[in-house]
């Protein structure tokens, strides 16, 4: 019975006591003590990204594609008048669309070319 209720929750968004009914993904990026957060919204368009610029030096982008069950992240470094890709990741979403305790995609540490400056970013799935 619990499996049927979970499937109904996933397909139709029907809530049930004890089951998570809302899913959010947040990503935090940190450079030199300056932190930025993106609340990642689901997107159907494969070319739609949410982004934030950190200290006018780095750009962090995130993309949540629910129909493909994945989260994609990108980190760029400013070089001159444009940005260059430093790191790209793709994370499969867990089989349960909203795990009871949420889900942590792990801490990423990326180093820039000049002076090996560090940028840390981490995404988390939150359920209610």
N, C-alpha and C. Protein backbone atom coordinates (compact mmCIF):
# COMPACT_ATOMS: atom_id res chain seq x y z
N UNK A 1 0.81 -1.19 0.00
CA UNK A 1 0.00 0.00 0.00
C UNK A 1 0.87 1.27 0.00
N UNK A 2 1.95 1.24 0.80
CA UNK A 2 2.82 2.41 0.88
C UNK A 2 3.44 2.71 -0.49
N UNK A 3 3.82 1.67 -1.22
CA UNK A 3 4.40 1.85 -2.56
C UNK A 3 3.39 2.51 -3.49
N UNK A 4 2.14 2.11 -3.43
CA UNK A 4 1.10 2.69 -4.28
C UNK A 4 0.93 4.18 -3.94
N UNK A 5 0.92 4.52 -2.65
CA UNK A 5 0.79 5.92 -2.26
C UNK A 5 1.99 6.74 -2.71
N UNK A 6 3.19 6.16 -2.64
CA UNK A 6 4.39 6.86 -3.11
C UNK A 6 4.31 7.11 -4.61
N UNK A 7 3.86 6.10 -5.36
CA UNK A 7 3.72 6.27 -6.81
C UNK A 7 2.68 7.34 -7.15
N UNK A 8 1.57 7.35 -6.44
CA UNK A 8 0.56 8.38 -6.66
C UNK A 8 1.13 9.76 -6.34
N UNK A 9 1.91 9.85 -5.28
CA UNK A 9 2.53 11.12 -4.92
C UNK A 9 3.46 11.59 -6.03
N UNK A 10 4.25 10.68 -6.58
CA UNK A 10 5.18 11.05 -7.64
C UNK A 10 4.47 11.48 -8.91
N UNK A 11 3.46 10.71 -9.30
CA UNK A 11 2.80 10.97 -10.58
C UNK A 11 1.82 12.13 -10.51
N UNK A 12 1.03 12.20 -9.45
CA UNK A 12 -0.03 13.19 -9.39
C UNK A 12 0.20 14.28 -8.35
N UNK A 13 1.27 14.18 -7.59
CA UNK A 13 1.53 15.20 -6.56
C UNK A 13 0.55 15.13 -5.41
N UNK A 14 -0.04 13.96 -5.20
CA UNK A 14 -1.02 13.79 -4.12
C UNK A 14 -0.26 13.62 -2.81
N UNK A 15 -0.61 14.44 -1.82
CA UNK A 15 0.06 14.35 -0.52
C UNK A 15 -0.54 13.26 0.35
N UNK A 16 0.25 12.76 1.30
CA UNK A 16 -0.20 11.76 2.25
C UNK A 16 0.59 11.96 3.52
N UNK A 17 -0.05 11.79 4.67
CA UNK A 17 0.66 11.95 5.94
C UNK A 17 1.86 11.03 5.97
N UNK A 18 3.03 11.60 6.33
CA UNK A 18 4.25 10.80 6.42
C UNK A 18 5.05 10.77 5.14
N UNK A 19 4.48 11.18 4.04
CA UNK A 19 5.21 11.20 2.77
C UNK A 19 5.57 12.64 2.42
N UNK A 20 6.76 12.81 1.87
CA UNK A 20 7.17 14.14 1.43
C UNK A 20 6.35 14.54 0.22
N UNK A 21 5.90 15.79 0.19
CA UNK A 21 5.05 16.23 -0.91
C UNK A 21 5.67 17.35 -1.73
N UNK A 22 6.76 17.93 -1.24
CA UNK A 22 7.37 19.05 -1.94
C UNK A 22 8.86 18.82 -2.06
N UNK A 23 9.40 19.12 -3.20
CA UNK A 23 10.81 18.89 -3.48
C UNK A 23 11.45 20.21 -3.88
N UNK A 24 12.61 20.51 -3.28
CA UNK A 24 13.39 21.69 -3.63
C UNK A 24 14.84 21.28 -3.79
N UNK A 25 15.54 21.96 -4.68
CA UNK A 25 16.98 21.77 -4.82
C UNK A 25 17.63 23.14 -4.65
N UNK A 26 18.61 23.20 -3.75
CA UNK A 26 19.36 24.43 -3.56
C UNK A 26 20.84 24.14 -3.79
N UNK A 27 21.55 25.14 -4.31
CA UNK A 27 22.99 25.03 -4.52
C UNK A 27 23.65 26.24 -3.91
N UNK A 28 24.72 26.00 -3.15
CA UNK A 28 25.50 27.05 -2.54
C UNK A 28 26.88 27.06 -3.16
N UNK A 29 27.34 28.23 -3.57
CA UNK A 29 28.68 28.41 -4.14
C UNK A 29 29.43 29.40 -3.28
N UNK A 30 30.70 29.11 -2.98
CA UNK A 30 31.49 29.95 -2.09
C UNK A 30 32.86 30.21 -2.69
N UNK A 31 33.24 31.48 -2.71
CA UNK A 31 34.58 31.87 -3.16
C UNK A 31 35.08 33.00 -2.28
N UNK A 32 36.23 32.80 -1.65
CA UNK A 32 36.83 33.84 -0.83
C UNK A 32 35.94 34.37 0.28
N UNK A 33 35.13 33.49 0.86
CA UNK A 33 34.23 33.92 1.93
C UNK A 33 32.92 34.53 1.45
N UNK A 34 32.76 34.71 0.16
CA UNK A 34 31.53 35.25 -0.42
C UNK A 34 30.68 34.07 -0.90
N UNK A 35 29.50 33.92 -0.35
CA UNK A 35 28.63 32.80 -0.69
C UNK A 35 27.39 33.27 -1.45
N UNK A 36 26.98 32.47 -2.39
CA UNK A 36 25.76 32.72 -3.16
C UNK A 36 24.93 31.45 -3.17
N UNK A 37 23.61 31.62 -3.18
CA UNK A 37 22.70 30.46 -3.22
C UNK A 37 21.77 30.58 -4.40
N UNK A 38 21.52 29.44 -5.02
CA UNK A 38 20.52 29.34 -6.09
C UNK A 38 19.48 28.33 -5.63
N UNK A 39 18.23 28.71 -5.67
CA UNK A 39 17.13 27.76 -5.49
C UNK A 39 16.77 27.30 -6.89
N UNK A 40 17.15 26.09 -7.21
CA UNK A 40 17.02 25.59 -8.59
C UNK A 40 15.57 25.18 -8.85
N UNK A 41 15.02 25.75 -9.90
CA UNK A 41 13.64 25.43 -10.30
C UNK A 41 13.66 24.36 -11.39
N UNK A 42 12.67 23.49 -11.42
CA UNK A 42 12.60 22.50 -12.50
C UNK A 42 12.43 23.19 -13.85
N UNK A 43 13.07 22.62 -14.87
CA UNK A 43 12.99 23.19 -16.22
C UNK A 43 12.74 22.09 -17.23
N UNK A 44 11.91 22.40 -18.19
CA UNK A 44 11.68 21.47 -19.30
C UNK A 44 12.62 21.76 -20.45
N UNK A 45 13.07 23.01 -20.54
CA UNK A 45 13.95 23.44 -21.63
C UNK A 45 15.39 23.04 -21.30
N UNK A 46 16.01 22.24 -22.15
CA UNK A 46 17.39 21.77 -21.94
C UNK A 46 18.40 22.90 -22.04
N UNK A 47 17.99 24.09 -22.49
CA UNK A 47 18.90 25.22 -22.61
C UNK A 47 18.61 26.31 -21.58
N UNK A 48 17.79 25.98 -20.58
CA UNK A 48 17.43 26.92 -19.53
C UNK A 48 18.28 26.64 -18.30
N UNK A 49 19.00 27.66 -17.83
CA UNK A 49 19.87 27.53 -16.67
C UNK A 49 19.58 28.67 -15.70
N UNK A 50 19.88 28.43 -14.44
CA UNK A 50 19.89 29.49 -13.45
C UNK A 50 21.35 29.74 -13.12
N UNK A 51 21.71 31.00 -12.96
CA UNK A 51 23.12 31.29 -12.72
C UNK A 51 23.30 32.42 -11.73
N UNK A 52 24.50 32.45 -11.17
CA UNK A 52 24.90 33.50 -10.25
C UNK A 52 26.37 33.77 -10.51
N UNK A 53 26.74 35.07 -10.46
CA UNK A 53 28.14 35.46 -10.62
C UNK A 53 28.70 35.73 -9.23
N UNK A 54 29.88 35.19 -8.97
CA UNK A 54 30.50 35.31 -7.66
C UNK A 54 31.72 36.22 -7.78
N UNK A 55 31.66 37.35 -7.06
CA UNK A 55 32.77 38.31 -7.02
C UNK A 55 33.25 38.73 -8.41
N UNK A 56 32.37 38.75 -9.36
CA UNK A 56 32.69 39.16 -10.73
C UNK A 56 33.83 38.34 -11.35
N UNK A 57 34.09 37.16 -10.78
CA UNK A 57 35.20 36.33 -11.25
C UNK A 57 34.72 34.96 -11.73
N UNK A 58 33.70 34.41 -11.08
CA UNK A 58 33.21 33.08 -11.43
C UNK A 58 31.71 33.15 -11.70
N UNK A 59 31.24 32.22 -12.50
CA UNK A 59 29.80 32.07 -12.74
C UNK A 59 29.45 30.61 -12.44
N UNK A 60 28.45 30.44 -11.60
CA UNK A 60 27.95 29.10 -11.28
C UNK A 60 26.57 28.96 -11.90
N UNK A 61 26.34 27.84 -12.59
CA UNK A 61 25.03 27.58 -13.20
C UNK A 61 24.51 26.22 -12.76
N UNK A 62 23.21 26.13 -12.62
CA UNK A 62 22.56 24.87 -12.27
C UNK A 62 21.33 24.67 -13.15
N UNK A 63 21.03 23.41 -13.40
CA UNK A 63 19.89 23.05 -14.24
C UNK A 63 19.28 21.77 -13.68
N UNK A 64 17.98 21.83 -13.39
CA UNK A 64 17.26 20.66 -12.90
C UNK A 64 16.29 20.24 -14.00
N UNK A 65 16.52 19.04 -14.53
CA UNK A 65 15.68 18.50 -15.60
C UNK A 65 14.90 17.31 -15.05
N UNK A 66 13.71 17.54 -14.49
CA UNK A 66 12.96 16.45 -13.88
C UNK A 66 12.56 15.35 -14.87
N UNK A 67 12.27 15.71 -16.12
CA UNK A 67 11.86 14.69 -17.08
C UNK A 67 13.01 13.75 -17.42
N UNK A 68 14.26 14.17 -17.14
CA UNK A 68 15.44 13.32 -17.37
C UNK A 68 16.03 12.84 -16.04
N UNK A 69 15.38 13.18 -14.94
CA UNK A 69 15.80 12.78 -13.60
C UNK A 69 17.26 13.11 -13.32
N UNK A 70 17.63 14.38 -13.59
CA UNK A 70 19.02 14.77 -13.31
C UNK A 70 19.16 16.24 -12.98
N UNK A 71 20.26 16.51 -12.28
CA UNK A 71 20.70 17.86 -11.96
C UNK A 71 22.04 18.06 -12.63
N UNK A 72 22.22 19.20 -13.31
CA UNK A 72 23.49 19.51 -13.97
C UNK A 72 24.03 20.81 -13.39
N UNK A 73 25.36 20.85 -13.16
CA UNK A 73 25.99 22.06 -12.65
C UNK A 73 27.21 22.40 -13.50
N UNK A 74 27.50 23.72 -13.57
CA UNK A 74 28.62 24.21 -14.36
C UNK A 74 29.29 25.35 -13.60
N UNK A 75 30.62 25.39 -13.63
CA UNK A 75 31.35 26.48 -13.03
C UNK A 75 32.29 27.07 -14.08
N UNK A 76 32.18 28.39 -14.25
CA UNK A 76 32.98 29.11 -15.25
C UNK A 76 33.88 30.12 -14.55
N UNK A 77 35.01 30.41 -15.17
CA UNK A 77 35.92 31.44 -14.69
C UNK A 77 35.96 32.56 -15.72
N UNK A 78 35.93 33.81 -15.23
CA UNK A 78 36.02 34.95 -16.15
C UNK A 78 37.46 35.06 -16.64
N UNK A 79 37.60 35.14 -17.94
CA UNK A 79 38.90 35.39 -18.55
C UNK A 79 38.70 36.47 -19.60
N UNK A 80 39.16 37.65 -19.27
CA UNK A 80 38.94 38.78 -20.17
C UNK A 80 37.47 39.15 -20.18
N UNK A 81 36.88 39.17 -21.36
CA UNK A 81 35.48 39.59 -21.52
C UNK A 81 34.51 38.41 -21.57
N UNK A 82 35.03 37.19 -21.43
CA UNK A 82 34.14 36.02 -21.51
C UNK A 82 34.42 35.06 -20.35
N UNK A 83 33.64 34.01 -20.28
CA UNK A 83 33.80 32.98 -19.25
C UNK A 83 34.25 31.69 -19.90
N UNK A 84 35.09 30.93 -19.17
CA UNK A 84 35.61 29.65 -19.65
C UNK A 84 35.16 28.56 -18.67
N UNK A 85 34.69 27.46 -19.20
CA UNK A 85 34.21 26.36 -18.36
C UNK A 85 35.37 25.71 -17.61
N UNK A 86 35.23 25.61 -16.29
CA UNK A 86 36.22 24.93 -15.45
C UNK A 86 35.75 23.54 -15.04
N UNK A 87 34.44 23.42 -14.78
CA UNK A 87 33.94 22.16 -14.23
C UNK A 87 32.47 21.97 -14.60
N UNK A 88 32.13 20.76 -14.97
CA UNK A 88 30.74 20.41 -15.26
C UNK A 88 30.43 19.08 -14.58
N UNK A 89 29.25 18.98 -14.01
CA UNK A 89 28.82 17.75 -13.34
C UNK A 89 27.38 17.44 -13.70
N UNK A 90 27.07 16.17 -13.65
CA UNK A 90 25.71 15.71 -13.88
C UNK A 90 25.40 14.69 -12.81
N UNK A 91 24.28 14.90 -12.12
CA UNK A 91 23.90 14.03 -11.01
C UNK A 91 22.56 13.38 -11.29
N UNK A 92 22.48 12.06 -11.23
CA UNK A 92 21.16 11.43 -11.34
C UNK A 92 20.38 11.68 -10.05
N UNK A 93 19.12 11.94 -10.18
CA UNK A 93 18.28 12.12 -9.00
C UNK A 93 17.96 10.75 -8.44
N UNK A 94 17.82 10.63 -7.12
CA UNK A 94 17.54 9.32 -6.53
C UNK A 94 16.22 8.77 -7.04
N UNK A 95 16.08 7.43 -7.00
CA UNK A 95 14.84 6.80 -7.50
C UNK A 95 13.59 7.36 -6.84
N UNK A 96 13.64 7.61 -5.53
CA UNK A 96 12.52 8.23 -4.85
C UNK A 96 12.65 9.73 -5.10
N UNK A 97 11.66 10.33 -5.73
CA UNK A 97 11.76 11.73 -6.11
C UNK A 97 11.93 12.64 -4.89
N UNK A 98 11.56 12.17 -3.75
CA UNK A 98 11.68 13.00 -2.56
C UNK A 98 12.04 12.11 -1.37
N UNK A 99 13.32 11.76 -1.23
CA UNK A 99 13.72 10.91 -0.11
C UNK A 99 13.39 11.55 1.23
N UNK A 100 13.07 10.74 2.19
CA UNK A 100 12.63 11.21 3.52
C UNK A 100 13.61 12.20 4.15
N UNK A 101 14.89 11.93 4.07
CA UNK A 101 15.88 12.78 4.72
C UNK A 101 16.55 13.77 3.77
N UNK A 102 16.02 13.95 2.60
CA UNK A 102 16.67 14.81 1.62
C UNK A 102 17.86 14.09 1.00
N UNK A 103 18.66 14.83 0.26
CA UNK A 103 19.78 14.21 -0.44
C UNK A 103 20.84 15.27 -0.66
N UNK A 104 22.10 14.90 -0.43
CA UNK A 104 23.23 15.79 -0.59
C UNK A 104 24.05 15.31 -1.78
N UNK A 105 24.30 16.19 -2.75
CA UNK A 105 25.03 15.81 -3.95
C UNK A 105 26.54 15.87 -3.79
N UNK A 106 27.03 16.21 -2.60
CA UNK A 106 28.47 16.23 -2.33
C UNK A 106 29.10 17.60 -2.55
N UNK A 107 30.24 17.80 -1.91
CA UNK A 107 30.97 19.06 -2.00
C UNK A 107 31.94 19.00 -3.18
N UNK A 108 31.89 20.01 -4.03
CA UNK A 108 32.81 20.12 -5.17
C UNK A 108 33.82 21.21 -4.86
N UNK A 109 35.09 20.93 -5.11
CA UNK A 109 36.17 21.90 -4.93
C UNK A 109 36.83 22.07 -6.29
N UNK A 110 36.77 23.29 -6.80
CA UNK A 110 37.30 23.57 -8.14
C UNK A 110 38.35 24.66 -8.01
N UNK A 111 39.44 24.50 -8.75
CA UNK A 111 40.55 25.44 -8.66
C UNK A 111 40.73 26.15 -9.99
N UNK A 112 40.82 27.47 -9.93
CA UNK A 112 40.99 28.30 -11.12
C UNK A 112 42.43 28.23 -11.61
N UNK A 113 42.63 28.63 -12.83
CA UNK A 113 43.95 28.56 -13.45
C UNK A 113 44.93 29.54 -12.81
N UNK A 114 44.48 30.74 -12.53
CA UNK A 114 45.37 31.76 -11.99
C UNK A 114 45.43 31.66 -10.47
N UNK A 115 46.59 31.42 -9.93
CA UNK A 115 46.84 31.34 -8.49
C UNK A 115 46.03 30.24 -7.80
N UNK A 116 45.50 29.31 -8.57
CA UNK A 116 44.73 28.18 -8.03
C UNK A 116 43.68 28.61 -7.02
N UNK A 117 42.93 29.63 -7.35
CA UNK A 117 41.86 30.11 -6.46
C UNK A 117 40.77 29.04 -6.35
N UNK A 118 40.25 28.86 -5.13
CA UNK A 118 39.28 27.81 -4.86
C UNK A 118 37.85 28.33 -4.92
N UNK A 119 37.00 27.52 -5.51
CA UNK A 119 35.56 27.74 -5.45
C UNK A 119 34.96 26.43 -4.96
N UNK A 120 34.10 26.54 -3.96
CA UNK A 120 33.41 25.36 -3.46
C UNK A 120 31.93 25.49 -3.81
N UNK A 121 31.33 24.39 -4.21
CA UNK A 121 29.88 24.42 -4.36
C UNK A 121 29.29 23.08 -4.00
N UNK A 122 28.04 23.15 -3.55
CA UNK A 122 27.35 21.97 -3.09
C UNK A 122 25.85 22.15 -3.32
N UNK A 123 25.22 21.11 -3.81
CA UNK A 123 23.76 21.15 -4.01
C UNK A 123 23.10 20.14 -3.09
N UNK A 124 21.89 20.48 -2.68
CA UNK A 124 21.12 19.61 -1.78
C UNK A 124 19.67 19.56 -2.24
N UNK A 125 19.07 18.40 -2.07
CA UNK A 125 17.65 18.22 -2.34
C UNK A 125 16.95 18.22 -0.98
N UNK A 126 15.93 19.04 -0.86
CA UNK A 126 15.16 19.16 0.38
C UNK A 126 13.73 18.69 0.13
N UNK A 127 13.20 17.97 1.09
CA UNK A 127 11.82 17.49 0.95
C UNK A 127 10.99 17.94 2.14
N UNK A 128 9.74 18.19 1.88
CA UNK A 128 8.81 18.57 2.95
C UNK A 128 7.62 17.64 2.94
